[in-house]
Amino acid sequence: EDTWQYLYRGAYWRRGPVTMAAIAAVDTALWDIKGKQAGLPVYQLLGGRSREGVTVYGHANAEDVDGVLGEVAHYTDLGYRAVRVQTGVPGLDSTYGVGG
């Protein structure tokens, strides 16, 4: 607990993405160890089932609007109630970095 508090509140990179990812990894490993010791799944250690299901979404991406619409139709046909849409940006070869 002391190490967790130090990393969260006082470390040089406090609450940054790298620190939070490291804290999450250690937390997950410790809960997993505790669950294995107790012979229980982690969700039961945390109080048991809290919901019947979760909402998930499809990820529609394409180079143009027609392609995106096709992807959205595909996911809605599969029964998804939510779809995240991503498409290219006019004038850019790449939306994930500098185009070549």
PDB file of N, CA and C in Angstrom:
ATOM      1  N   GLU A   1       0.832  -1.200   0.000  1.00  0.00           N
ATOM      2  CA  GLU A   1       0.000   0.000   0.000  1.00  0.00           C
ATOM      3  C   GLU A   1       0.868   1.253   0.000  1.00  0.00           C
ATOM      4  N   ASP A   2       1.945   1.233   0.780  1.00  0.00           N
ATOM      5  CA  ASP A   2       2.836   2.397   0.818  1.00  0.00           C
ATOM      6  C   ASP A   2       3.452   2.675  -0.551  1.00  0.00           C
ATOM      7  N   THR A   3       3.875   1.621  -1.238  1.00  0.00           N
ATOM      8  CA  THR A   3       4.456   1.802  -2.569  1.00  0.00           C
ATOM      9  C   THR A   3       3.424   2.349  -3.535  1.00  0.00           C
ATOM     10  N   TRP A   4       2.200   1.835  -3.470  1.00  0.00           N
ATOM     11  CA  TRP A   4       1.121   2.326  -4.339  1.00  0.00           C
ATOM     12  C   TRP A   4       0.908   3.813  -4.105  1.00  0.00           C
ATOM     13  N   GLN A   5       0.788   4.210  -2.834  1.00  0.00           N
ATOM     14  CA  GLN A   5       0.563   5.621  -2.502  1.00  0.00           C
ATOM     15  C   GLN A   5       1.732   6.496  -2.959  1.00  0.00           C
ATOM     16  N   TYR A   6       2.949   6.006  -2.794  1.00  0.00           N
ATOM     17  CA  TYR A   6       4.114   6.770  -3.236  1.00  0.00           C
ATOM     18  C   TYR A   6       4.060   7.001  -4.741  1.00  0.00           C
ATOM     19  N   LEU A   7       3.814   5.942  -5.501  1.00  0.00           N
ATOM     20  CA  LEU A   7       3.768   6.081  -6.955  1.00  0.00           C
ATOM     21  C   LEU A   7       2.624   6.980  -7.397  1.00  0.00           C
ATOM     22  N   TYR A   8       1.478   6.843  -6.745  1.00  0.00           N
ATOM     23  CA  TYR A   8       0.303   7.613  -7.148  1.00  0.00           C
ATOM     24  C   TYR A   8       0.425   9.085  -6.773  1.00  0.00           C
ATOM     25  N   ARG A   9       0.956   9.356  -5.584  1.00  0.00           N
ATOM     26  CA  ARG A   9       0.955  10.734  -5.080  1.00  0.00           C
ATOM     27  C   ARG A   9       2.294  11.454  -5.186  1.00  0.00           C
ATOM     28  N   GLY A  10       3.394  10.723  -5.076  1.00  0.00           N
ATOM     29  CA  GLY A  10       4.640  11.420  -4.891  1.00  0.00           C
ATOM     30  C   GLY A  10       5.741  11.182  -5.900  1.00  0.00           C
ATOM     31  N   ALA A  11       5.633  10.173  -6.722  1.00  0.00           N
ATOM     32  CA  ALA A  11       6.703   9.895  -7.669  1.00  0.00           C
ATOM     33  C   ALA A  11       6.812  11.022  -8.695  1.00  0.00           C
ATOM     34  N   TYR A  12       7.965  11.135  -9.311  1.00  0.00           N
ATOM     35  CA  TYR A  12       8.217  12.212 -10.267  1.00  0.00           C
ATOM     36  C   TYR A  12       7.172  12.225 -11.381  1.00  0.00           C
ATOM     37  N   TRP A  13       6.813  11.071 -11.907  1.00  0.00           N
ATOM     38  CA  TRP A  13       5.843  10.972 -13.004  1.00  0.00           C
ATOM     39  C   TRP A  13       4.447  10.660 -12.475  1.00  0.00           C
ATOM     40  N   ARG A  14       4.107  11.140 -11.280  1.00  0.00           N
ATOM     41  CA  ARG A  14       2.846  10.791 -10.631  1.00  0.00           C
ATOM     42  C   ARG A  14       1.648  10.945 -11.567  1.00  0.00           C
ATOM     43  N   ARG A  15       0.819   9.926 -11.544  1.00  0.00           N
ATOM     44  CA  ARG A  15      -0.445   9.855 -12.268  1.00  0.00           C
ATOM     45  C   ARG A  15      -0.306  10.027 -13.773  1.00  0.00           C
ATOM     46  N   GLY A  16       0.877   9.871 -14.303  1.00  0.00           N
ATOM     47  CA  GLY A  16       1.058   9.876 -15.750  1.00  0.00           C
ATOM     48  C   GLY A  16       0.694   8.515 -16.310  1.00  0.00           C
ATOM     49  N   PRO A  17       0.594   8.393 -17.634  1.00  0.00           N
ATOM     50  CA  PRO A  17       0.156   7.121 -18.224  1.00  0.00           C
ATOM     51  C   PRO A  17       1.095   5.953 -17.944  1.00  0.00           C
ATOM     52  N   VAL A  18       2.390   6.194 -17.913  1.00  0.00           N
ATOM     53  CA  VAL A  18       3.328   5.096 -17.658  1.00  0.00           C
ATOM     54  C   VAL A  18       3.217   4.638 -16.210  1.00  0.00           C
ATOM     55  N   THR A  19       3.185   5.591 -15.284  1.00  0.00           N
ATOM     56  CA  THR A  19       3.058   5.234 -13.867  1.00  0.00           C
ATOM     57  C   THR A  19       1.745   4.516 -13.602  1.00  0.00           C
ATOM     58  N   MET A  20       0.644   5.020 -14.152  1.00  0.00           N
ATOM     59  CA  MET A  20      -0.654   4.390 -13.912  1.00  0.00           C
ATOM     60  C   MET A  20      -0.708   2.988 -14.519  1.00  0.00           C
ATOM     61  N   ALA A  21      -0.083   2.797 -15.692  1.00  0.00           N
ATOM     62  CA  ALA A  21      -0.038   1.458 -16.285  1.00  0.00           C
ATOM     63  C   ALA A  21       0.768   0.510 -15.401  1.00  0.00           C
ATOM     64  N   ALA A  22       1.867   1.000 -14.836  1.00  0.00           N
ATOM     65  CA  ALA A  22       2.679   0.160 -13.945  1.00  0.00           C
ATOM     66  C   ALA A  22       1.912  -0.190 -12.677  1.00  0.00           C
ATOM     67  N   ILE A  23       1.240   0.799 -12.096  1.00  0.00           N
ATOM     68  CA  ILE A  23       0.437   0.542 -10.894  1.00  0.00           C
ATOM     69  C   ILE A  23      -0.650  -0.480 -11.203  1.00  0.00           C
ATOM     70  N   ALA A  24      -1.320  -0.328 -12.340  1.00  0.00           N
ATOM     71  CA  ALA A  24      -2.390  -1.256 -12.717  1.00  0.00           C
ATOM     72  C   ALA A  24      -1.853  -2.670 -12.894  1.00  0.00           C
ATOM     73  N   ALA A  25      -0.677  -2.799 -13.496  1.00  0.00           N
ATOM     74  CA  ALA A  25      -0.091  -4.125 -13.700  1.00  0.00           C
ATOM     75  C   ALA A  25       0.219  -4.795 -12.362  1.00  0.00           C
ATOM     76  N   VAL A  26       0.788  -4.042 -11.439  1.00  0.00           N
ATOM     77  CA  VAL A  26       1.102  -4.604 -10.119  1.00  0.00           C
ATOM     78  C   VAL A  26      -0.180  -4.937  -9.368  1.00  0.00           C
ATOM     79  N   ASP A  27      -1.166  -4.034  -9.390  1.00  0.00           N
ATOM     80  CA  ASP A  27      -2.453  -4.303  -8.733  1.00  0.00           C
ATOM     81  C   ASP A  27      -3.090  -5.579  -9.273  1.00  0.00           C
ATOM     82  N   THR A  28      -3.103  -5.718 -10.591  1.00  0.00           N
ATOM     83  CA  THR A  28      -3.707  -6.895 -11.215  1.00  0.00           C
ATOM     84  C   THR A  28      -2.982  -8.165 -10.786  1.00  0.00           C
ATOM     85  N   ALA A  29      -1.662  -8.122 -10.786  1.00  0.00           N
ATOM     86  CA  ALA A  29      -0.886  -9.298 -10.376  1.00  0.00           C
ATOM     87  C   ALA A  29      -1.151  -9.660  -8.918  1.00  0.00           C
ATOM     88  N   LEU A  30      -1.231  -8.656  -8.052  1.00  0.00           N
ATOM     89  CA  LEU A  30      -1.480  -8.937  -6.634  1.00  0.00           C
ATOM     90  C   LEU A  30      -2.870  -9.524  -6.409  1.00  0.00           C
ATOM     91  N   TRP A  31      -3.886  -8.991  -7.103  1.00  0.00           N
ATOM     92  CA  TRP A  31      -5.234  -9.561  -6.984  1.00  0.00           C
ATOM     93  C   TRP A  31      -5.254 -10.992  -7.515  1.00  0.00           C
ATOM     94  N   ASP A  32      -4.522 -11.244  -8.592  1.00  0.00           N
ATOM     95  CA  ASP A  32      -4.461 -12.594  -9.150  1.00  0.00           C
ATOM     96  C   ASP A  32      -3.825 -13.561  -8.155  1.00  0.00           C
ATOM     97  N   ILE A  33      -2.748 -13.143  -7.535  1.00  0.00           N
ATOM     98  CA  ILE A  33      -2.094 -13.984  -6.516  1.00  0.00           C
ATOM     99  C   ILE A  33      -3.048 -14.256  -5.357  1.00  0.00           C
ATOM    100  N   LYS A  34      -3.730 -13.211  -4.892  1.00  0.00           N
ATOM    101  CA  LYS A  34      -4.673 -13.379  -3.779  1.00  0.00           C
ATOM    102  C   LYS A  34      -5.796 -14.346  -4.161  1.00  0.00           C
ATOM    103  N   GLY A  35      -6.308 -14.223  -5.381  1.00  0.00           N
ATOM    104  CA  GLY A  35      -7.361 -15.128  -5.842  1.00  0.00           C
ATOM    105  C   GLY A  35      -6.889 -16.566  -5.915  1.00  0.00           C
ATOM    106  N   LYS A  36      -5.673 -16.770  -6.400  1.00  0.00           N
ATOM    107  CA  LYS A  36      -5.130 -18.131  -6.476  1.00  0.00           C
ATOM    108  C   LYS A  36      -4.941 -18.723  -5.082  1.00  0.00           C
ATOM    109  N   GLN A  37      -4.466 -17.913  -4.150  1.00  0.00           N
ATOM    110  CA  GLN A  37      -4.296 -18.379  -2.769  1.00  0.00           C
ATOM    111  C   GLN A  37      -5.634 -18.771  -2.153  1.00  0.00           C
ATOM    112  N   ALA A  38      -6.678 -17.979  -2.441  1.00  0.00           N
ATOM    113  CA  ALA A  38      -8.002 -18.240  -1.863  1.00  0.00           C
ATOM    114  C   ALA A  38      -8.788 -19.272  -2.662  1.00  0.00           C
ATOM    115  N   GLY A  39      -8.312 -19.618  -3.857  1.00  0.00           N
ATOM    116  CA  GLY A  39      -9.046 -20.548  -4.705  1.00  0.00           C
ATOM    117  C   GLY A  39     -10.321 -19.945  -5.274  1.00  0.00           C
ATOM    118  N   LEU A  40     -10.326 -18.622  -5.458  1.00  0.00           N
ATOM    119  CA  LEU A  40     -11.511 -17.915  -5.946  1.00  0.00           C
ATOM    120  C   LEU A  40     -11.148 -17.028  -7.128  1.00  0.00           C
ATOM    121  N   PRO A  41     -12.101 -16.800  -8.029  1.00  0.00           N
ATOM    122  CA  PRO A  41     -11.855 -15.809  -9.078  1.00  0.00           C
ATOM    123  C   PRO A  41     -11.842 -14.404  -8.471  1.00  0.00           C
ATOM    124  N   VAL A  42     -11.110 -13.509  -9.093  1.00  0.00           N
ATOM    125  CA  VAL A  42     -10.950 -12.154  -8.547  1.00  0.00           C
ATOM    126  C   VAL A  42     -12.288 -11.448  -8.383  1.00  0.00           C
ATOM    127  N   TYR A  43     -13.222 -11.651  -9.315  1.00  0.00           N
ATOM    128  CA  TYR A  43     -14.494 -10.930  -9.190  1.00  0.00           C
ATOM    129  C   TYR A  43     -15.219 -11.296  -7.894  1.00  0.00           C
ATOM    130  N   GLN A  44     -15.030 -12.517  -7.401  1.00  0.00           N
ATOM    131  CA  GLN A  44     -15.657 -12.881  -6.124  1.00  0.00           C
ATOM    132  C   GLN A  44     -14.947 -12.217  -4.946  1.00  0.00           C
ATOM    133  N   LEU A  45     -13.640 -12.043  -5.049  1.00  0.00           N
ATOM    134  CA  LEU A  45     -12.911 -11.318  -4.002  1.00  0.00           C
ATOM    135  C   LEU A  45     -13.372  -9.865  -3.915  1.00  0.00           C
ATOM    136  N   LEU A  46     -13.816  -9.323  -5.041  1.00  0.00           N
ATOM    137  CA  LEU A  46     -14.244  -7.924  -5.102  1.00  0.00           C
ATOM    138  C   LEU A  46     -15.728  -7.743  -4.817  1.00  0.00           C
ATOM    139  N   GLY A  47     -16.394  -8.794  -4.365  1.00  0.00           N
ATOM    140  CA  GLY A  47     -17.793  -8.651  -3.970  1.00  0.00           C
ATOM    141  C   GLY A  47     -18.780  -9.414  -4.825  1.00  0.00           C
ATOM    142  N   GLY A  48     -18.324 -10.136  -5.818  1.00  0.00           N
ATOM    143  CA  GLY A  48     -19.227 -10.930  -6.643  1.00  0.00           C
ATOM    144  C   GLY A  48     -19.749 -10.177  -7.856  1.00  0.00           C
ATOM    145  N   ARG A  49     -20.640 -10.843  -8.552  1.00  0.00           N
ATOM    146  CA  ARG A  49     -21.203 -10.293  -9.779  1.00  0.00           C
ATOM    147  C   ARG A  49     -21.932  -8.987  -9.486  1.00  0.00           C
ATOM    148  N   SER A  50     -21.715  -7.999 -10.333  1.00  0.00           N
ATOM    149  CA  SER A  50     -22.367  -6.705 -10.124  1.00  0.00           C
ATOM    150  C   SER A  50     -23.315  -6.336 -11.259  1.00  0.00           C
ATOM    151  N   ARG A  51     -23.268  -7.066 -12.362  1.00  0.00           N
ATOM    152  CA  ARG A  51     -24.177  -6.791 -13.483  1.00  0.00           C
ATOM    153  C   ARG A  51     -24.315  -8.045 -14.338  1.00  0.00           C
ATOM    154  N   GLU A  52     -25.319  -8.052 -15.153  1.00  0.00           N
ATOM    155  CA  GLU A  52     -25.572  -9.211 -16.017  1.00  0.00           C
ATOM    156  C   GLU A  52     -24.722  -9.187 -17.283  1.00  0.00           C
ATOM    157  N   GLY A  53     -24.317  -8.017 -17.724  1.00  0.00           N
ATOM    158  CA  GLY A  53     -23.532  -7.911 -18.948  1.00  0.00           C
ATOM    159  C   GLY A  53     -22.955  -6.517 -19.084  1.00  0.00           C
ATOM    160  N   VAL A  54     -22.196  -6.304 -20.129  1.00  0.00           N
ATOM    161  CA  VAL A  54     -21.618  -4.994 -20.406  1.00  0.00           C
ATOM    162  C   VAL A  54     -21.905  -4.625 -21.858  1.00  0.00           C
ATOM    163  N   THR A  55     -21.969  -3.342 -22.108  1.00  0.00           N
ATOM    164  CA  THR A  55     -22.160  -2.869 -23.471  1.00  0.00           C
ATOM    165  C   THR A  55     -20.813  -2.863 -24.186  1.00  0.00           C
ATOM    166  N   VAL A  56     -20.783  -3.432 -25.364  1.00  0.00           N
ATOM    167  CA  VAL A  56     -19.577  -3.412 -26.189  1.00  0.00           C
ATOM    168  C   VAL A  56     -19.894  -2.698 -27.496  1.00  0.00           C
ATOM    169  N   TYR A  57     -18.864  -2.295 -28.209  1.00  0.00           N
ATOM    170  CA  TYR A  57     -19.092  -1.610 -29.477  1.00  0.00           C
ATOM    171  C   TYR A  57     -18.205  -2.187 -30.561  1.00  0.00           C
ATOM    172  N   GLY A  58     -18.666  -2.030 -31.794  1.00  0.00           N
ATOM    173  CA  GLY A  58     -17.858  -2.389 -32.944  1.00  0.00           C
ATOM    174  C   GLY A  58     -16.990  -1.206 -33.331  1.00  0.00           C
ATOM    175  N   HIS A  59     -15.916  -1.458 -34.043  1.00  0.00           N
ATOM    176  CA  HIS A  59     -15.007  -0.389 -34.478  1.00  0.00           C
ATOM    177  C   HIS A  59     -15.012  -0.350 -35.999  1.00  0.00           C
ATOM    178  N   ALA A  60     -15.713   0.647 -36.536  1.00  0.00           N
ATOM    179  CA  ALA A  60     -15.810   0.801 -37.988  1.00  0.00           C
ATOM    180  C   ALA A  60     -14.742   1.774 -38.458  1.00  0.00           C
ATOM    181  N   ASN A  61     -13.884   1.318 -39.351  1.00  0.00           N
ATOM    182  CA  ASN A  61     -12.911   2.233 -39.947  1.00  0.00           C
ATOM    183  C   ASN A  61     -12.799   1.944 -41.434  1.00  0.00           C
ATOM    184  N   ALA A  62     -12.581   2.981 -42.195  1.00  0.00           N
ATOM    185  CA  ALA A  62     -12.464   2.842 -43.641  1.00  0.00           C
ATOM    186  C   ALA A  62     -11.809   4.096 -44.188  1.00  0.00           C
ATOM    187  N   GLU A  63     -11.494   4.053 -45.470  1.00  0.00           N
ATOM    188  CA  GLU A  63     -10.842   5.185 -46.126  1.00  0.00           C
ATOM    189  C   GLU A  63     -11.818   6.280 -46.520  1.00  0.00           C
ATOM    190  N   ASP A  64     -13.101   5.938 -46.671  1.00  0.00           N
ATOM    191  CA  ASP A  64     -14.066   6.943 -47.123  1.00  0.00           C
ATOM    192  C   ASP A  64     -15.407   6.731 -46.424  1.00  0.00           C
ATOM    193  N   VAL A  65     -16.329   7.671 -46.641  1.00  0.00           N
ATOM    194  CA  VAL A  65     -17.622   7.633 -45.958  1.00  0.00           C
ATOM    195  C   VAL A  65     -18.411   6.383 -46.334  1.00  0.00           C
ATOM    196  N   ASP A  66     -18.416   6.017 -47.611  1.00  0.00           N
ATOM    197  CA  ASP A  66     -19.160   4.817 -48.028  1.00  0.00           C
ATOM    198  C   ASP A  66     -18.630   3.561 -47.336  1.00  0.00           C
ATOM    199  N   GLY A  67     -17.319   3.476 -47.206  1.00  0.00           N
ATOM    200  CA  GLY A  67     -16.735   2.335 -46.508  1.00  0.00           C
ATOM    201  C   GLY A  67     -17.126   2.295 -45.044  1.00  0.00           C
ATOM    202  N   VAL A  68     -17.138   3.462 -44.409  1.00  0.00           N
ATOM    203  CA  VAL A  68     -17.539   3.537 -43.002  1.00  0.00           C
ATOM    204  C   VAL A  68     -18.995   3.134 -42.849  1.00  0.00           C
ATOM    205  N   LEU A  69     -19.853   3.624 -43.744  1.00  0.00           N
ATOM    206  CA  LEU A  69     -21.274   3.258 -43.670  1.00  0.00           C
ATOM    207  C   LEU A  69     -21.459   1.753 -43.823  1.00  0.00           C
ATOM    208  N   GLY A  70     -20.680   1.132 -44.692  1.00  0.00           N
ATOM    209  CA  GLY A  70     -20.740  -0.319 -44.840  1.00  0.00           C
ATOM    210  C   GLY A  70     -20.323  -1.045 -43.575  1.00  0.00           C
ATOM    211  N   GLU A  71     -19.261  -0.548 -42.941  1.00  0.00           N
ATOM    212  CA  GLU A  71     -18.803  -1.145 -41.683  1.00  0.00           C
ATOM    213  C   GLU A  71     -19.847  -0.978 -40.578  1.00  0.00           C
ATOM    214  N   VAL A  72     -20.458   0.206 -40.496  1.00  0.00           N
ATOM    215  CA  VAL A  72     -21.500   0.444 -39.490  1.00  0.00           C
ATOM    216  C   VAL A  72     -22.662  -0.514 -39.714  1.00  0.00           C
ATOM    217  N   ALA A  73     -23.079  -0.682 -40.972  1.00  0.00           N
ATOM    218  CA  ALA A  73     -24.171  -1.610 -41.282  1.00  0.00           C
ATOM    219  C   ALA A  73     -23.798  -3.034 -40.868  1.00  0.00           C
ATOM    220  N   HIS A  74     -22.554  -3.411 -41.110  1.00  0.00           N
ATOM    221  CA  HIS A  74     -22.083  -4.749 -40.733  1.00  0.00           C
ATOM    222  C   HIS A  74     -22.236  -4.976 -39.227  1.00  0.00           C
ATOM    223  N   TYR A  75     -21.776  -4.013 -38.432  1.00  0.00           N
ATOM    224  CA  TYR A  75     -21.852  -4.175 -36.978  1.00  0.00           C
ATOM    225  C   TYR A  75     -23.281  -4.110 -36.456  1.00  0.00           C
ATOM    226  N   THR A  76     -24.098  -3.247 -37.034  1.00  0.00           N
ATOM    227  CA  THR A  76     -25.492  -3.201 -36.572  1.00  0.00           C
ATOM    228  C   THR A  76     -26.227  -4.479 -36.965  1.00  0.00           C
ATOM    229  N   ASP A  77     -25.894  -5.053 -38.126  1.00  0.00           N
ATOM    230  CA  ASP A  77     -26.486  -6.342 -38.511  1.00  0.00           C
ATOM    231  C   ASP A  77     -26.088  -7.455 -37.537  1.00  0.00           C
ATOM    232  N   LEU A  78     -24.900  -7.349 -36.975  1.00  0.00           N
ATOM    233  CA  LEU A  78     -24.448  -8.338 -35.994  1.00  0.00           C
ATOM    234  C   LEU A  78     -25.101  -8.141 -34.626  1.00  0.00           C
ATOM    235  N   GLY A  79     -25.823  -7.022 -34.457  1.00  0.00           N
ATOM    236  CA  GLY A  79     -26.526  -6.788 -33.203  1.00  0.00           C
ATOM    237  C   GLY A  79     -25.878  -5.773 -32.277  1.00  0.00           C
ATOM    238  N   TYR A  80     -24.793  -5.175 -32.699  1.00  0.00           N
ATOM    239  CA  TYR A  80     -24.161  -4.143 -31.872  1.00  0.00           C
ATOM    240  C   TYR A  80     -25.093  -2.946 -31.751  1.00  0.00           C
ATOM    241  N   ARG A  81     -25.166  -2.385 -30.550  1.00  0.00           N
ATOM    242  CA  ARG A  81     -25.980  -1.188 -30.326  1.00  0.00           C
ATOM    243  C   ARG A  81     -25.145   0.080 -30.395  1.00  0.00           C
ATOM    244  N   ALA A  82     -23.833  -0.058 -30.420  1.00  0.00           N
ATOM    245  CA  ALA A  82     -22.936   1.097 -30.508  1.00  0.00           C
ATOM    246  C   ALA A  82     -21.798   0.766 -31.468  1.00  0.00           C
ATOM    247  N   VAL A  83     -21.382   1.754 -32.242  1.00  0.00           N
ATOM    248  CA  VAL A  83     -20.284   1.580 -33.187  1.00  0.00           C
ATOM    249  C   VAL A  83     -19.380   2.808 -33.105  1.00  0.00           C
ATOM    250  N   ARG A  84     -18.108   2.584 -32.908  1.00  0.00           N
ATOM    251  CA  ARG A  84     -17.121   3.672 -32.937  1.00  0.00           C
ATOM    252  C   ARG A  84     -16.694   3.846 -34.385  1.00  0.00           C
ATOM    253  N   VAL A  85     -16.741   5.069 -34.860  1.00  0.00           N
ATOM    254  CA  VAL A  85     -16.452   5.338 -36.268  1.00  0.00           C
ATOM    255  C   VAL A  85     -15.118   6.057 -36.399  1.00  0.00           C
ATOM    256  N   GLN A  86     -14.301   5.570 -37.319  1.00  0.00           N
ATOM    257  CA  GLN A  86     -13.020   6.213 -37.608  1.00  0.00           C
ATOM    258  C   GLN A  86     -12.822   6.189 -39.109  1.00  0.00           C
ATOM    259  N   THR A  87     -12.405   7.299 -39.651  1.00  0.00           N
ATOM    260  CA  THR A  87     -12.182   7.375 -41.086  1.00  0.00           C
ATOM    261  C   THR A  87     -10.943   8.207 -41.361  1.00  0.00           C
ATOM    262  N   GLY A  88     -10.513   8.207 -42.591  1.00  0.00           N
ATOM    263  CA  GLY A  88      -9.356   9.008 -42.974  1.00  0.00           C
ATOM    264  C   GLY A  88      -9.666  10.494 -42.903  1.00  0.00           C
ATOM    265  N   VAL A  89      -8.620  11.295 -42.931  1.00  0.00           N
ATOM    266  CA  VAL A  89      -8.754  12.747 -42.933  1.00  0.00           C
ATOM    267  C   VAL A  89      -8.376  13.240 -44.320  1.00  0.00           C
ATOM    268  N   PRO A  90      -9.264  13.995 -44.979  1.00  0.00           N
ATOM    269  CA  PRO A  90      -8.938  14.474 -46.328  1.00  0.00           C
ATOM    270  C   PRO A  90      -7.604  15.228 -46.345  1.00  0.00           C
ATOM    271  N   GLY A  91      -6.754  14.874 -47.299  1.00  0.00           N
ATOM    272  CA  GLY A  91      -5.464  15.537 -47.438  1.00  0.00           C
ATOM    273  C   GLY A  91      -4.329  14.881 -46.679  1.00  0.00           C
ATOM    274  N   LEU A  92      -4.633  13.924 -45.822  1.00  0.00           N
ATOM    275  CA  LEU A  92      -3.582  13.222 -45.081  1.00  0.00           C
ATOM    276  C   LEU A  92      -3.498  11.778 -45.549  1.00  0.00           C
ATOM    277  N   ASP A  93      -2.272  11.318 -45.781  1.00  0.00           N
ATOM    278  CA  ASP A  93      -2.086   9.920 -46.174  1.00  0.00           C
ATOM    279  C   ASP A  93      -2.308   8.968 -45.006  1.00  0.00           C
ATOM    280  N   SER A  94      -2.107   9.462 -43.791  1.00  0.00           N
ATOM    281  CA  SER A  94      -2.225   8.618 -42.614  1.00  0.00           C
ATOM    282  C   SER A  94      -2.831   9.419 -41.476  1.00  0.00           C
ATOM    283  N   THR A  95      -3.712   8.783 -40.709  1.00  0.00           N
ATOM    284  CA  THR A  95      -4.275   9.455 -39.540  1.00  0.00           C
ATOM    285  C   THR A  95      -3.540   9.066 -38.269  1.00  0.00           C
ATOM    286  N   TYR A  96      -2.553   8.187 -38.367  1.00  0.00           N
ATOM    287  CA  TYR A  96      -1.823   7.725 -37.188  1.00  0.00           C
ATOM    288  C   TYR A  96      -0.408   8.284 -37.102  1.00  0.00           C
ATOM    289  N   GLY A  97      -0.051   9.153 -37.986  1.00  0.00           N
ATOM    290  CA  GLY A  97       1.294   9.721 -37.944  1.00  0.00           C
ATOM    291  C   GLY A  97       1.509  10.600 -39.158  1.00  0.00           C
ATOM    292  N   VAL A  98       2.717  10.966 -39.382  1.00  0.00           N
ATOM    293  CA  VAL A  98       3.030  11.830 -40.516  1.00  0.00           C
ATOM    294  C   VAL A  98       3.094  10.982 -41.768  1.00  0.00           C
ATOM    295  N   GLY A  99       2.334  11.379 -42.777  1.00  0.00           N
ATOM    296  CA  GLY A  99       2.325  10.646 -44.044  1.00  0.00           C
ATOM    297  C   GLY A  99       3.664  10.751 -44.756  1.00  0.00           C
ATOM    298  N   GLY A 100       3.994   9.719 -45.551  1.00  0.00           N
ATOM    299  CA  GLY A 100       5.285   9.682 -46.232  1.00  0.00           C
ATOM    300  C   GLY A 100       5.263  10.214 -47.626  1.00  0.00           C
TER     301      GLY A 100
END
